[in-house]
């Protein structure tokens, strides 16, 4: 399945293929392929994927959350992309923590979609895992909505491609 996800904070459209391992009904982390997409604001731009600073909190997470994290990490590793302009923009602008996080981790929405799709195609998927993926989606949507409001109000200006 090919899914499209527009990351409004970065103005980048990304396409990814979620390939299912034959026979198991479960997506394999190393089969999540990320492709650079094209958007009206920047043809051929690649998405910026950032590592999340987990620190010591990783040890206290449940197995389901660790599973979600591994899937997101696989996408980050396979992308091989980075955009220094994003770092420069963050350094030059005084942004509140939520805006800064959204810009640094502009792949969060893509990761959440990958995870949700991966969980939903499991024929005998664990309900806790499915619930966890929906929690991730909800958190991301709230964060993105806050960013979009700031952009609409002119409080936050997204740099051109």
N, C-alpha and C. Protein backbone atom coordinates (compact mmCIF):
# COMPACT_ATOMS: atom_id res chain seq x y z
N UNK A 1 0.84 -1.19 0.00
CA UNK A 1 0.00 0.00 0.00
C UNK A 1 0.87 1.24 0.00
N UNK A 2 0.46 2.20 -0.77
CA UNK A 2 1.20 3.47 -0.81
C UNK A 2 0.36 4.52 -0.11
N UNK A 3 0.94 5.17 0.89
CA UNK A 3 0.21 6.19 1.64
C UNK A 3 0.93 7.52 1.45
N UNK A 4 0.16 8.60 1.49
CA UNK A 4 0.75 9.93 1.37
C UNK A 4 0.50 10.70 2.66
N UNK A 5 1.51 11.39 3.10
CA UNK A 5 1.38 12.15 4.34
C UNK A 5 2.06 13.50 4.14
N UNK A 6 1.32 14.58 4.33
CA UNK A 6 1.92 15.91 4.20
C UNK A 6 2.28 16.43 5.58
N UNK A 7 3.54 16.77 5.71
CA UNK A 7 4.00 17.32 6.98
C UNK A 7 3.96 18.83 6.84
N UNK A 8 2.93 19.46 7.41
CA UNK A 8 2.71 20.88 7.22
C UNK A 8 3.82 21.74 7.83
N UNK A 9 4.41 21.29 8.91
CA UNK A 9 5.44 22.09 9.56
C UNK A 9 6.65 22.25 8.65
N UNK A 10 6.91 21.25 7.79
CA UNK A 10 8.08 21.32 6.91
C UNK A 10 7.69 21.59 5.46
N UNK A 11 6.41 21.49 5.15
CA UNK A 11 5.97 21.71 3.77
C UNK A 11 6.44 20.62 2.84
N UNK A 12 6.58 19.43 3.36
CA UNK A 12 7.12 18.33 2.58
C UNK A 12 6.11 17.20 2.45
N UNK A 13 5.97 16.68 1.26
CA UNK A 13 5.08 15.53 1.06
C UNK A 13 5.94 14.28 0.90
N UNK A 14 5.57 13.25 1.60
CA UNK A 14 6.36 12.02 1.59
C UNK A 14 5.49 10.84 1.21
N UNK A 15 6.03 9.93 0.43
CA UNK A 15 5.33 8.70 0.11
C UNK A 15 6.12 7.55 0.69
N UNK A 16 5.44 6.56 1.22
CA UNK A 16 6.16 5.40 1.71
C UNK A 16 5.40 4.14 1.35
N UNK A 17 6.14 3.08 1.18
CA UNK A 17 5.55 1.78 0.86
C UNK A 17 5.68 0.90 2.10
N UNK A 18 4.58 0.34 2.51
CA UNK A 18 4.60 -0.58 3.64
C UNK A 18 4.47 -1.98 3.06
N UNK A 19 5.57 -2.71 3.08
CA UNK A 19 5.58 -4.04 2.49
C UNK A 19 5.34 -5.10 3.55
N UNK A 20 4.44 -6.00 3.26
CA UNK A 20 4.08 -7.04 4.22
C UNK A 20 4.89 -8.30 3.96
N UNK A 21 5.45 -8.85 5.02
CA UNK A 21 6.22 -10.08 4.84
C UNK A 21 5.26 -11.22 4.53
N UNK A 22 5.55 -11.96 3.50
CA UNK A 22 4.65 -13.01 3.04
C UNK A 22 4.47 -14.09 4.11
N UNK A 23 3.21 -14.41 4.39
CA UNK A 23 2.92 -15.50 5.29
C UNK A 23 2.69 -15.12 6.74
N UNK A 24 3.27 -14.02 7.20
CA UNK A 24 3.15 -13.69 8.62
C UNK A 24 2.06 -12.67 8.89
N UNK A 25 1.76 -11.84 7.89
CA UNK A 25 0.76 -10.80 8.10
C UNK A 25 1.30 -9.64 8.90
N UNK A 26 2.61 -9.64 9.15
CA UNK A 26 3.20 -8.55 9.93
C UNK A 26 4.24 -7.81 9.10
N UNK A 27 4.25 -6.48 9.17
CA UNK A 27 5.25 -5.72 8.42
C UNK A 27 6.60 -5.85 9.12
N UNK A 28 7.63 -6.02 8.35
CA UNK A 28 8.97 -6.12 8.94
C UNK A 28 9.63 -4.74 8.92
N UNK A 29 10.30 -4.42 10.02
CA UNK A 29 10.90 -3.08 10.15
C UNK A 29 11.84 -2.76 8.99
N UNK A 30 12.61 -3.76 8.54
CA UNK A 30 13.58 -3.47 7.48
C UNK A 30 12.93 -3.37 6.11
N UNK A 31 11.61 -3.57 6.04
CA UNK A 31 10.93 -3.46 4.75
C UNK A 31 10.17 -2.15 4.60
N UNK A 32 10.28 -1.30 5.61
CA UNK A 32 9.61 0.00 5.50
C UNK A 32 10.49 0.90 4.64
N UNK A 33 10.04 1.19 3.46
CA UNK A 33 10.84 1.99 2.53
C UNK A 33 10.32 3.42 2.47
N UNK A 34 11.24 4.36 2.51
CA UNK A 34 10.84 5.77 2.48
C UNK A 34 11.31 6.39 1.17
N UNK A 35 10.41 7.06 0.49
CA UNK A 35 10.76 7.69 -0.78
C UNK A 35 10.60 9.19 -0.69
N UNK A 36 11.52 9.92 -1.30
CA UNK A 36 11.41 11.38 -1.33
C UNK A 36 10.23 11.76 -2.21
N UNK A 37 9.37 12.64 -1.72
CA UNK A 37 8.20 13.03 -2.49
C UNK A 37 8.35 14.42 -3.07
N UNK A 38 7.35 14.86 -3.79
CA UNK A 38 7.36 16.20 -4.37
C UNK A 38 6.14 16.96 -3.89
N UNK A 39 6.31 18.22 -3.60
CA UNK A 39 5.18 19.03 -3.17
C UNK A 39 5.25 20.38 -3.86
N UNK A 40 4.19 21.14 -3.75
CA UNK A 40 4.15 22.44 -4.42
C UNK A 40 5.19 23.39 -3.84
N UNK A 41 5.57 23.15 -2.58
CA UNK A 41 6.52 24.07 -1.95
C UNK A 41 7.97 23.64 -2.13
N UNK A 42 8.19 22.43 -2.65
CA UNK A 42 9.57 22.00 -2.82
C UNK A 42 9.64 20.67 -3.53
N UNK A 43 9.74 20.69 -4.86
CA UNK A 43 9.75 19.45 -5.63
C UNK A 43 10.98 18.61 -5.30
N UNK A 44 10.74 17.36 -5.00
CA UNK A 44 11.85 16.45 -4.77
C UNK A 44 12.52 16.57 -3.42
N UNK A 45 11.98 17.40 -2.54
CA UNK A 45 12.60 17.53 -1.22
C UNK A 45 12.44 16.24 -0.45
N UNK A 46 13.45 15.92 0.36
CA UNK A 46 13.35 14.72 1.18
C UNK A 46 12.92 15.13 2.57
N UNK A 47 12.20 14.25 3.22
CA UNK A 47 11.72 14.58 4.55
C UNK A 47 12.87 14.57 5.56
N UNK A 48 12.73 15.35 6.60
CA UNK A 48 13.75 15.41 7.63
C UNK A 48 13.32 14.50 8.77
N UNK A 49 14.12 13.51 9.05
CA UNK A 49 13.79 12.58 10.12
C UNK A 49 14.78 12.76 11.26
N UNK A 50 14.27 13.00 12.42
CA UNK A 50 15.12 13.29 13.58
C UNK A 50 14.97 12.22 14.64
N UNK A 51 16.06 11.96 15.32
CA UNK A 51 16.02 11.00 16.42
C UNK A 51 15.37 11.66 17.64
N UNK A 52 14.53 10.90 18.33
CA UNK A 52 13.90 11.40 19.54
C UNK A 52 14.82 11.14 20.72
N UNK A 53 14.98 12.14 21.56
CA UNK A 53 15.83 11.99 22.73
C UNK A 53 15.06 11.22 23.80
N UNK A 54 15.40 9.96 23.96
CA UNK A 54 14.65 9.12 24.89
C UNK A 54 15.25 9.13 26.29
N UNK A 55 16.57 9.22 26.37
CA UNK A 55 17.22 9.25 27.68
C UNK A 55 16.94 8.00 28.49
N UNK A 56 16.79 8.17 29.79
CA UNK A 56 16.56 7.03 30.69
C UNK A 56 15.12 6.56 30.69
N UNK A 57 14.25 7.32 30.06
CA UNK A 57 12.83 6.97 30.07
C UNK A 57 12.54 5.68 29.30
N UNK A 58 13.46 5.31 28.41
CA UNK A 58 13.22 4.13 27.58
C UNK A 58 13.02 2.88 28.43
N UNK A 59 13.74 2.80 29.55
CA UNK A 59 13.66 1.62 30.41
C UNK A 59 12.29 1.46 31.06
N UNK A 60 11.59 2.55 31.26
CA UNK A 60 10.31 2.50 31.96
C UNK A 60 9.13 2.27 31.02
N UNK A 61 9.41 2.21 29.72
CA UNK A 61 8.32 2.04 28.75
C UNK A 61 7.88 0.58 28.66
N UNK A 62 6.61 0.40 28.32
CA UNK A 62 6.09 -0.95 28.16
C UNK A 62 6.55 -1.55 26.84
N UNK A 63 6.33 -2.84 26.67
CA UNK A 63 6.76 -3.52 25.46
C UNK A 63 6.10 -2.95 24.21
N UNK A 64 4.82 -2.57 24.32
CA UNK A 64 4.10 -2.04 23.16
C UNK A 64 4.74 -0.76 22.67
N UNK A 65 5.08 0.12 23.61
CA UNK A 65 5.66 1.40 23.23
C UNK A 65 7.04 1.20 22.61
N UNK A 66 7.79 0.22 23.13
CA UNK A 66 9.11 -0.06 22.56
C UNK A 66 8.96 -0.59 21.14
N UNK A 67 7.91 -1.38 20.90
CA UNK A 67 7.67 -1.90 19.55
C UNK A 67 7.38 -0.75 18.58
N UNK A 68 6.58 0.21 19.03
CA UNK A 68 6.26 1.36 18.19
C UNK A 68 7.53 2.14 17.90
N UNK A 69 8.37 2.28 18.92
CA UNK A 69 9.59 3.06 18.77
C UNK A 69 10.52 2.41 17.74
N UNK A 70 10.61 1.08 17.79
CA UNK A 70 11.49 0.36 16.85
C UNK A 70 11.03 0.58 15.41
N UNK A 71 9.72 0.56 15.19
CA UNK A 71 9.19 0.75 13.84
C UNK A 71 9.52 2.15 13.34
N UNK A 72 9.35 3.14 14.21
CA UNK A 72 9.65 4.53 13.83
C UNK A 72 11.14 4.69 13.56
N UNK A 73 11.95 4.04 14.40
CA UNK A 73 13.40 4.13 14.23
C UNK A 73 13.86 3.55 12.91
N UNK A 74 13.20 2.48 12.47
CA UNK A 74 13.58 1.86 11.21
C UNK A 74 13.39 2.83 10.05
N UNK A 75 12.29 3.58 10.09
CA UNK A 75 12.04 4.58 9.05
C UNK A 75 13.14 5.63 9.07
N UNK A 76 13.51 6.04 10.28
CA UNK A 76 14.55 7.08 10.42
C UNK A 76 15.87 6.58 9.83
N UNK A 77 16.24 5.35 10.13
CA UNK A 77 17.52 4.80 9.65
C UNK A 77 17.53 4.64 8.13
N UNK A 78 16.40 4.19 7.58
CA UNK A 78 16.35 3.91 6.15
C UNK A 78 16.26 5.17 5.28
N UNK A 79 15.95 6.30 5.90
CA UNK A 79 15.75 7.51 5.11
C UNK A 79 17.07 8.09 4.62
N UNK A 80 18.08 8.10 5.51
CA UNK A 80 19.38 8.65 5.17
C UNK A 80 19.32 10.10 4.76
N UNK A 81 18.33 10.84 5.25
CA UNK A 81 18.18 12.23 4.84
C UNK A 81 18.27 13.18 6.01
N UNK A 82 18.69 14.40 5.72
CA UNK A 82 18.79 15.43 6.75
C UNK A 82 18.78 16.78 6.04
N UNK A 83 18.26 17.79 6.69
CA UNK A 83 18.20 19.12 6.08
C UNK A 83 18.75 20.14 7.06
N UNK A 84 19.98 20.62 6.85
CA UNK A 84 20.60 21.57 7.77
C UNK A 84 19.83 22.88 7.89
N UNK A 85 19.01 23.21 6.88
CA UNK A 85 18.26 24.46 6.93
C UNK A 85 17.28 24.47 8.10
N UNK A 86 16.80 23.30 8.47
CA UNK A 86 15.86 23.21 9.58
C UNK A 86 16.56 23.60 10.88
N UNK A 87 17.78 23.09 11.07
CA UNK A 87 18.54 23.42 12.28
C UNK A 87 18.82 24.92 12.33
N UNK A 88 19.20 25.49 11.19
CA UNK A 88 19.50 26.92 11.14
C UNK A 88 18.25 27.73 11.49
N UNK A 89 17.11 27.29 10.99
CA UNK A 89 15.86 28.00 11.26
C UNK A 89 15.53 27.96 12.75
N UNK A 90 15.72 26.80 13.35
CA UNK A 90 15.43 26.66 14.78
C UNK A 90 16.37 27.54 15.60
N UNK A 91 17.63 27.61 15.21
CA UNK A 91 18.62 28.41 15.95
C UNK A 91 18.34 29.90 15.82
N UNK A 92 17.85 30.32 14.67
CA UNK A 92 17.63 31.75 14.42
C UNK A 92 16.29 32.26 14.96
N UNK A 93 15.39 31.36 15.29
CA UNK A 93 14.08 31.78 15.77
C UNK A 93 13.81 31.28 17.18
N UNK A 94 13.26 32.16 18.00
CA UNK A 94 12.90 31.77 19.36
C UNK A 94 11.52 31.12 19.31
N UNK A 95 11.52 29.80 19.38
CA UNK A 95 10.26 29.07 19.30
C UNK A 95 9.93 28.43 20.65
N UNK A 96 8.64 28.32 20.93
CA UNK A 96 8.27 27.64 22.18
C UNK A 96 8.58 26.15 22.03
N UNK A 97 8.65 25.42 23.14
CA UNK A 97 9.04 24.01 23.11
C UNK A 97 8.23 23.14 22.14
N UNK A 98 6.91 23.39 22.08
CA UNK A 98 6.06 22.57 21.21
C UNK A 98 6.41 22.82 19.74
N UNK A 99 6.58 24.08 19.37
CA UNK A 99 6.92 24.40 17.98
C UNK A 99 8.30 23.85 17.63
N UNK A 100 9.22 23.99 18.57
CA UNK A 100 10.59 23.51 18.33
C UNK A 100 10.59 22.00 18.13
N UNK A 101 9.82 21.31 18.95
CA UNK A 101 9.75 19.85 18.85
C UNK A 101 9.16 19.42 17.51
N UNK A 102 8.11 20.11 17.09
CA UNK A 102 7.45 19.75 15.83
C UNK A 102 8.37 19.97 14.64
N UNK A 103 9.17 21.02 14.70
CA UNK A 103 10.08 21.30 13.59
C UNK A 103 11.28 20.35 13.60
N UNK A 104 11.77 20.04 14.78
CA UNK A 104 12.90 19.11 14.87
C UNK A 104 12.48 17.69 14.48
N UNK A 105 11.28 17.32 14.87
CA UNK A 105 10.81 15.96 14.62
C UNK A 105 9.66 15.98 13.62
N UNK A 106 9.89 16.58 12.46
CA UNK A 106 8.79 16.72 11.51
C UNK A 106 8.39 15.39 10.89
N UNK A 107 9.09 14.32 11.27
CA UNK A 107 8.71 13.00 10.76
C UNK A 107 7.72 12.31 11.67
N UNK A 108 7.37 12.92 12.80
CA UNK A 108 6.53 12.24 13.78
C UNK A 108 5.19 11.77 13.20
N UNK A 109 4.59 12.60 12.35
CA UNK A 109 3.30 12.21 11.77
C UNK A 109 3.48 11.03 10.83
N UNK A 110 4.52 11.07 10.02
CA UNK A 110 4.80 9.97 9.10
C UNK A 110 5.03 8.68 9.88
N UNK A 111 5.83 8.77 10.94
CA UNK A 111 6.11 7.59 11.74
C UNK A 111 4.82 7.01 12.33
N UNK A 112 3.96 7.89 12.82
CA UNK A 112 2.71 7.44 13.43
C UNK A 112 1.83 6.72 12.41
N UNK A 113 1.81 7.24 11.17
CA UNK A 113 1.00 6.61 10.12
C UNK A 113 1.58 5.24 9.78
N UNK A 114 2.90 5.17 9.68
CA UNK A 114 3.56 3.89 9.39
C UNK A 114 3.20 2.87 10.47
N UNK A 115 3.30 3.30 11.72
CA UNK A 115 3.03 2.40 12.84
C UNK A 115 1.57 1.96 12.83
N UNK A 116 0.66 2.91 12.64
CA UNK A 116 -0.76 2.58 12.66
C UNK A 116 -1.11 1.59 11.56
N UNK A 117 -0.57 1.83 10.35
CA UNK A 117 -0.85 0.93 9.23
C UNK A 117 -0.27 -0.45 9.52
N UNK A 118 0.92 -0.46 10.10
CA UNK A 118 1.56 -1.74 10.42
C UNK A 118 0.75 -2.54 11.40
N UNK A 119 0.22 -1.87 12.43
CA UNK A 119 -0.57 -2.58 13.43
C UNK A 119 -1.91 -3.05 12.85
N UNK A 120 -2.51 -2.23 11.99
CA UNK A 120 -3.85 -2.54 11.50
C UNK A 120 -3.87 -3.72 10.54
N UNK A 121 -2.74 -4.03 9.88
CA UNK A 121 -2.75 -5.14 8.93
C UNK A 121 -2.40 -6.48 9.57
N UNK A 122 -2.12 -6.46 10.87
CA UNK A 122 -1.87 -7.73 11.56
C UNK A 122 -3.20 -8.47 11.71
N UNK A 123 -3.26 -9.67 11.17
CA UNK A 123 -4.51 -10.44 11.20
C UNK A 123 -4.94 -10.75 12.63
N UNK A 124 -3.98 -11.10 13.47
CA UNK A 124 -4.29 -11.41 14.86
C UNK A 124 -3.55 -10.44 15.78
N UNK A 125 -3.59 -9.18 15.40
CA UNK A 125 -2.83 -8.18 16.15
C UNK A 125 -3.32 -8.00 17.58
N UNK A 126 -2.39 -7.68 18.44
CA UNK A 126 -2.70 -7.45 19.85
C UNK A 126 -3.44 -6.12 19.98
N UNK A 127 -4.56 -6.13 20.69
CA UNK A 127 -5.37 -4.91 20.82
C UNK A 127 -4.63 -3.80 21.55
N UNK A 128 -3.75 -4.17 22.48
CA UNK A 128 -2.99 -3.15 23.19
C UNK A 128 -2.06 -2.41 22.23
N UNK A 129 -1.48 -3.15 21.30
CA UNK A 129 -0.59 -2.52 20.33
C UNK A 129 -1.38 -1.58 19.43
N UNK A 130 -2.58 -2.01 19.02
CA UNK A 130 -3.40 -1.16 18.16
C UNK A 130 -3.81 0.11 18.90
N UNK A 131 -4.15 -0.05 20.18
CA UNK A 131 -4.53 1.11 20.98
C UNK A 131 -3.36 2.06 21.12
N UNK A 132 -2.18 1.50 21.33
CA UNK A 132 -0.98 2.33 21.49
C UNK A 132 -0.71 3.14 20.23
N UNK A 133 -0.94 2.53 19.05
CA UNK A 133 -0.70 3.26 17.80
C UNK A 133 -1.68 4.42 17.66
N UNK A 134 -2.90 4.22 18.14
CA UNK A 134 -3.90 5.29 18.05
C UNK A 134 -3.56 6.43 19.00
N UNK A 135 -2.96 6.10 20.13
CA UNK A 135 -2.54 7.13 21.08
C UNK A 135 -1.45 7.98 20.43
N UNK A 136 -0.53 7.33 19.74
CA UNK A 136 0.54 8.06 19.04
C UNK A 136 -0.06 9.00 18.01
N UNK A 137 -1.03 8.49 17.24
CA UNK A 137 -1.67 9.31 16.21
C UNK A 137 -2.35 10.53 16.83
N UNK A 138 -3.04 10.31 17.94
CA UNK A 138 -3.77 11.41 18.59
C UNK A 138 -2.81 12.48 19.09
N UNK A 139 -1.71 12.06 19.69
CA UNK A 139 -0.73 13.02 20.20
C UNK A 139 -0.16 13.87 19.07
N UNK A 140 0.15 13.20 17.96
CA UNK A 140 0.73 13.91 16.82
C UNK A 140 -0.27 14.91 16.24
N UNK A 141 -1.53 14.49 16.11
CA UNK A 141 -2.55 15.37 15.54
C UNK A 141 -2.74 16.63 16.38
N UNK A 142 -2.70 16.47 17.70
CA UNK A 142 -2.85 17.63 18.59
C UNK A 142 -1.67 18.58 18.39
N UNK A 143 -0.47 18.01 18.33
CA UNK A 143 0.73 18.83 18.16
C UNK A 143 0.71 19.56 16.82
N UNK A 144 0.32 18.85 15.76
CA UNK A 144 0.27 19.46 14.43
C UNK A 144 -0.78 20.57 14.37
N UNK A 145 -1.91 20.35 15.05
CA UNK A 145 -2.97 21.36 15.05
C UNK A 145 -2.48 22.66 15.69
N UNK A 146 -1.71 22.53 16.76
CA UNK A 146 -1.17 23.71 17.44
C UNK A 146 -0.21 24.47 16.52
N UNK A 147 0.60 23.71 15.79
CA UNK A 147 1.56 24.33 14.86
C UNK A 147 0.81 25.04 13.74
N UNK A 148 -0.22 24.39 13.19
CA UNK A 148 -0.98 24.99 12.10
C UNK A 148 -1.65 26.28 12.54
N UNK A 149 -2.16 26.30 13.77
CA UNK A 149 -2.79 27.52 14.29
C UNK A 149 -1.79 28.66 14.35
N UNK A 150 -0.57 28.35 14.77
CA UNK A 150 0.46 29.39 14.88
C UNK A 150 0.87 29.90 13.50
N UNK A 151 0.90 28.99 12.52
CA UNK A 151 1.25 29.40 11.16
C UNK A 151 0.15 30.29 10.59
N UNK A 152 -1.11 29.90 10.79
CA UNK A 152 -2.24 30.69 10.29
C UNK A 152 -2.29 32.07 10.94
N UNK A 153 -1.94 32.15 12.20
CA UNK A 153 -1.96 33.42 12.92
C UNK A 153 -0.73 34.28 12.64
N UNK A 154 0.20 33.74 11.85
CA UNK A 154 1.40 34.50 11.54
C UNK A 154 2.44 34.50 12.64
N UNK A 155 2.23 33.70 13.67
CA UNK A 155 3.20 33.64 14.77
C UNK A 155 4.42 32.81 14.38
N UNK A 156 4.22 31.86 13.48
CA UNK A 156 5.30 30.98 13.07
C UNK A 156 5.41 31.01 11.55
N UNK A 157 6.58 31.32 11.05
CA UNK A 157 6.81 31.39 9.61
C UNK A 157 7.68 30.21 9.19
N UNK A 158 7.15 29.38 8.31
CA UNK A 158 7.90 28.23 7.84
C UNK A 158 8.84 28.67 6.72
N UNK A 159 10.12 28.30 6.82
CA UNK A 159 11.10 28.74 5.81
C UNK A 159 10.78 28.15 4.43
N UNK A 160 11.04 28.89 3.37
CA UNK A 160 10.77 28.40 2.01
C UNK A 160 11.74 27.27 1.66
N UNK A 161 11.38 26.42 0.70
CA UNK A 161 12.26 25.30 0.32
C UNK A 161 13.53 25.81 -0.36
